[in-house]
Amino acid sequence: MILVVEWMGVRPLWQLRRSTRIERAWFLVFLLIPTITLLAYLGHKAQFGSFFELRDNRLFTPYERVITQPGILLSYLYDLLIPKAGYAGLYQENYPFARSLISPPTTLISLILVASLAGLAVWLRKRLPLVALALLFFSGRSSDRVHRPDARTQVRTP
């Protein structure tokens, strides 16, 4: 996430002057190399064989969770932009799981809209860097939620 903030928010604001060799080295050593290393490690440790299988007593597969997240993300955006009286907040349970890209039909539309938000952010990066940062941060929240444990499977102690 720090790499996104640096790339989308901070770097475009510094374009008044050319970045120095030290700034480029800092970016490479402290942001780019650690990010690539982490992604390589996570890719190595990922269990791709069980991506479509039920596990840990959950009601959904990791694949179903991944394709459900864009719909949840767009419902959050809707709830933030159009407030409702008596609304319970952003945390809601019992959201219907997407079983495939076309079941429910809104799944594919949600995926396209979230990808479009990310594309718009990259396109706006030089003209409106803080708007681009906000869009990419919001659309990137989907991927960070995918790997968190489900609240229903956690053991909570009083």
Protein backbone atom coordinates (compact mmCIF):
# COMPACT_ATOMS: atom_id res chain seq x y z
CA MET A 1 0.00 0.00 0.00
CA ILE A 2 2.94 2.35 0.67
CA LEU A 3 4.12 1.73 -2.88
CA VAL A 4 0.70 2.83 -4.20
CA VAL A 5 0.73 5.98 -2.06
CA GLU A 6 4.25 6.83 -3.22
CA TRP A 7 3.54 6.12 -6.89
CA MET A 8 0.09 7.71 -7.13
CA GLY A 9 0.11 10.45 -4.51
CA VAL A 10 3.59 11.59 -3.60
CA ARG A 11 5.68 11.21 -6.75
CA PRO A 12 3.35 13.23 -9.05
CA LEU A 13 3.37 16.10 -6.56
CA TRP A 14 7.17 16.19 -6.70
CA GLN A 15 7.31 16.57 -10.47
CA LEU A 16 8.27 20.21 -10.07
CA ARG A 17 11.84 19.00 -10.20
CA ARG A 18 13.59 15.89 -11.43
CA SER A 19 14.09 13.21 -8.77
CA THR A 20 17.63 12.71 -7.60
CA ARG A 21 19.63 9.51 -7.77
CA ILE A 22 19.26 9.09 -4.00
CA GLU A 23 15.45 9.39 -4.22
CA ARG A 24 15.33 6.80 -7.02
CA ALA A 25 17.60 4.47 -5.04
CA TRP A 26 15.41 4.89 -1.94
CA PHE A 27 12.33 4.04 -4.00
CA LEU A 28 14.03 0.95 -5.43
CA VAL A 29 15.57 -0.34 -2.19
CA PHE A 30 12.78 0.39 0.28
CA LEU A 31 9.63 0.07 -1.85
CA LEU A 32 10.04 -1.77 -5.14
CA ILE A 33 12.40 -4.60 -4.14
CA PRO A 34 10.52 -5.44 -0.90
CA THR A 35 7.18 -5.41 -2.76
CA ILE A 36 8.46 -7.76 -5.47
CA THR A 37 10.05 -10.00 -2.84
CA LEU A 38 6.84 -10.18 -0.84
CA LEU A 39 4.75 -10.95 -3.92
CA ALA A 40 7.20 -13.67 -4.96
CA TYR A 41 7.09 -15.21 -1.48
CA LEU A 42 3.29 -15.12 -1.34
CA GLY A 43 3.11 -16.62 -4.83
CA HIS A 44 5.45 -19.39 -3.72
CA LYS A 45 3.43 -20.15 -0.56
CA ALA A 46 0.01 -19.89 -2.20
CA GLN A 47 -2.00 -23.09 -2.36
CA PHE A 48 -3.47 -22.75 -5.83
CA GLY A 49 -4.76 -26.32 -5.82
CA SER A 50 -7.25 -25.56 -3.06
CA PHE A 51 -8.42 -22.25 -4.53
CA PHE A 52 -11.67 -23.84 -5.71
CA GLU A 53 -12.21 -26.17 -2.71
CA LEU A 54 -14.10 -25.62 0.52
CA ARG A 55 -11.89 -25.57 3.61
CA ASP A 56 -11.77 -24.48 7.24
CA ASN A 57 -15.50 -25.10 7.72
CA ARG A 58 -16.40 -22.10 5.57
CA LEU A 59 -19.46 -21.75 3.39
CA PHE A 60 -17.46 -20.51 0.39
CA THR A 61 -14.25 -21.22 -1.52
CA PRO A 62 -11.40 -18.71 -1.82
CA TYR A 63 -12.42 -18.23 -5.47
CA GLU A 64 -15.98 -17.35 -4.46
CA ARG A 65 -14.65 -14.90 -1.93
CA VAL A 66 -12.44 -13.20 -4.52
CA ILE A 67 -15.25 -12.75 -7.02
CA THR A 68 -17.70 -11.60 -4.30
CA GLN A 69 -15.41 -8.78 -3.08
CA PRO A 70 -15.98 -6.32 -5.97
CA GLY A 71 -19.74 -6.43 -5.35
CA ILE A 72 -19.22 -5.73 -1.66
CA LEU A 73 -16.82 -2.93 -2.53
CA LEU A 74 -19.37 -1.28 -4.83
CA SER A 75 -22.09 -1.63 -2.18
CA TYR A 76 -19.73 0.17 0.25
CA LEU A 77 -19.23 2.93 -2.32
CA TYR A 78 -22.98 3.23 -2.84
CA ASP A 79 -23.57 3.40 0.92
CA LEU A 80 -20.90 6.10 1.33
CA LEU A 81 -22.23 8.24 -1.53
CA ILE A 82 -25.95 7.79 -0.90
CA PRO A 83 -26.67 7.78 2.86
CA LYS A 84 -29.80 6.05 4.14
CA ALA A 85 -31.79 6.71 7.29
CA GLY A 86 -31.47 3.92 9.86
CA TYR A 87 -28.46 2.43 8.12
CA ALA A 88 -26.48 -0.07 10.21
CA GLY A 89 -23.02 0.84 8.93
CA LEU A 90 -20.48 -0.59 6.52
CA TYR A 91 -20.03 -3.91 8.29
CA GLN A 92 -22.79 -6.23 7.17
CA GLU A 93 -23.11 -9.98 7.18
CA ASN A 94 -25.23 -12.24 5.00
CA TYR A 95 -24.02 -10.74 1.73
CA PRO A 96 -24.82 -13.30 -1.00
CA PHE A 97 -21.77 -15.18 -2.26
CA ALA A 98 -20.99 -15.12 -5.95
CA ARG A 99 -20.75 -18.72 -7.16
CA SER A 100 -19.45 -17.83 -10.65
CA LEU A 101 -18.86 -14.78 -12.82
CA ILE A 102 -22.48 -14.85 -13.98
CA SER A 103 -24.20 -16.06 -10.82
CA PRO A 104 -25.45 -13.56 -9.64
CA PRO A 105 -25.32 -11.47 -12.84
CA THR A 106 -24.00 -8.43 -10.95
CA THR A 107 -20.69 -10.20 -10.27
CA LEU A 108 -19.21 -9.64 -13.72
CA ILE A 109 -20.52 -6.06 -13.80
CA SER A 110 -18.94 -5.39 -10.39
CA LEU A 111 -15.59 -6.82 -11.52
CA ILE A 112 -15.64 -4.63 -14.62
CA LEU A 113 -16.54 -1.51 -12.60
CA VAL A 114 -13.81 -2.06 -10.01
CA ALA A 115 -11.25 -2.71 -12.76
CA SER A 116 -12.48 0.47 -14.48
CA LEU A 117 -11.96 2.44 -11.26
CA ALA A 118 -8.38 1.16 -11.08
CA GLY A 119 -7.82 2.02 -14.75
CA LEU A 120 -9.28 5.49 -14.25
CA ALA A 121 -6.91 6.00 -11.33
CA VAL A 122 -3.89 5.16 -13.47
CA TRP A 123 -5.18 7.43 -16.25
CA LEU A 124 -5.69 10.35 -13.81
CA ARG A 125 -2.36 9.83 -12.08
CA LYS A 126 -0.55 12.80 -13.62
CA ARG A 127 -3.47 15.25 -13.84
CA LEU A 128 -5.21 14.62 -10.51
CA PRO A 129 -2.80 12.59 -8.36
CA LEU A 130 -4.77 12.74 -5.11
CA VAL A 131 -8.03 11.72 -6.83
CA ALA A 132 -6.13 8.88 -8.51
CA LEU A 133 -4.70 7.84 -5.16
CA ALA A 134 -8.17 7.79 -3.59
CA LEU A 135 -9.61 5.71 -6.43
CA LEU A 136 -6.76 3.20 -6.44
CA PHE A 137 -6.76 2.98 -2.65
CA PHE A 138 -10.50 2.28 -2.66
CA SER A 139 -10.39 -0.24 -5.51
CA GLY A 140 -7.32 -1.88 -3.98
CA ARG A 141 -9.15 -2.54 -0.71
CA SER A 142 -10.81 -5.52 -2.34
CA SER A 143 -7.57 -7.45 -2.60
CA ASP A 144 -6.56 -6.76 1.00
CA ARG A 145 -9.87 -8.08 2.33
CA VAL A 146 -9.64 -11.32 0.39
CA HIS A 147 -6.96 -12.83 2.62
CA ARG A 148 -8.39 -11.95 6.02
CA PRO A 149 -10.08 -14.67 8.03
CA ASP A 150 -13.84 -14.68 7.93
CA ALA A 151 -15.40 -13.30 11.11
CA ARG A 152 -17.74 -16.28 11.41
CA THR A 153 -14.85 -18.74 11.65
CA GLN A 154 -12.89 -16.84 14.29
CA VAL A 155 -13.07 -17.90 17.90
CA ARG A 156 -13.88 -14.87 20.03
CA THR A 157 -13.32 -14.81 23.75
CA PRO A 158 -15.10 -12.35 26.05
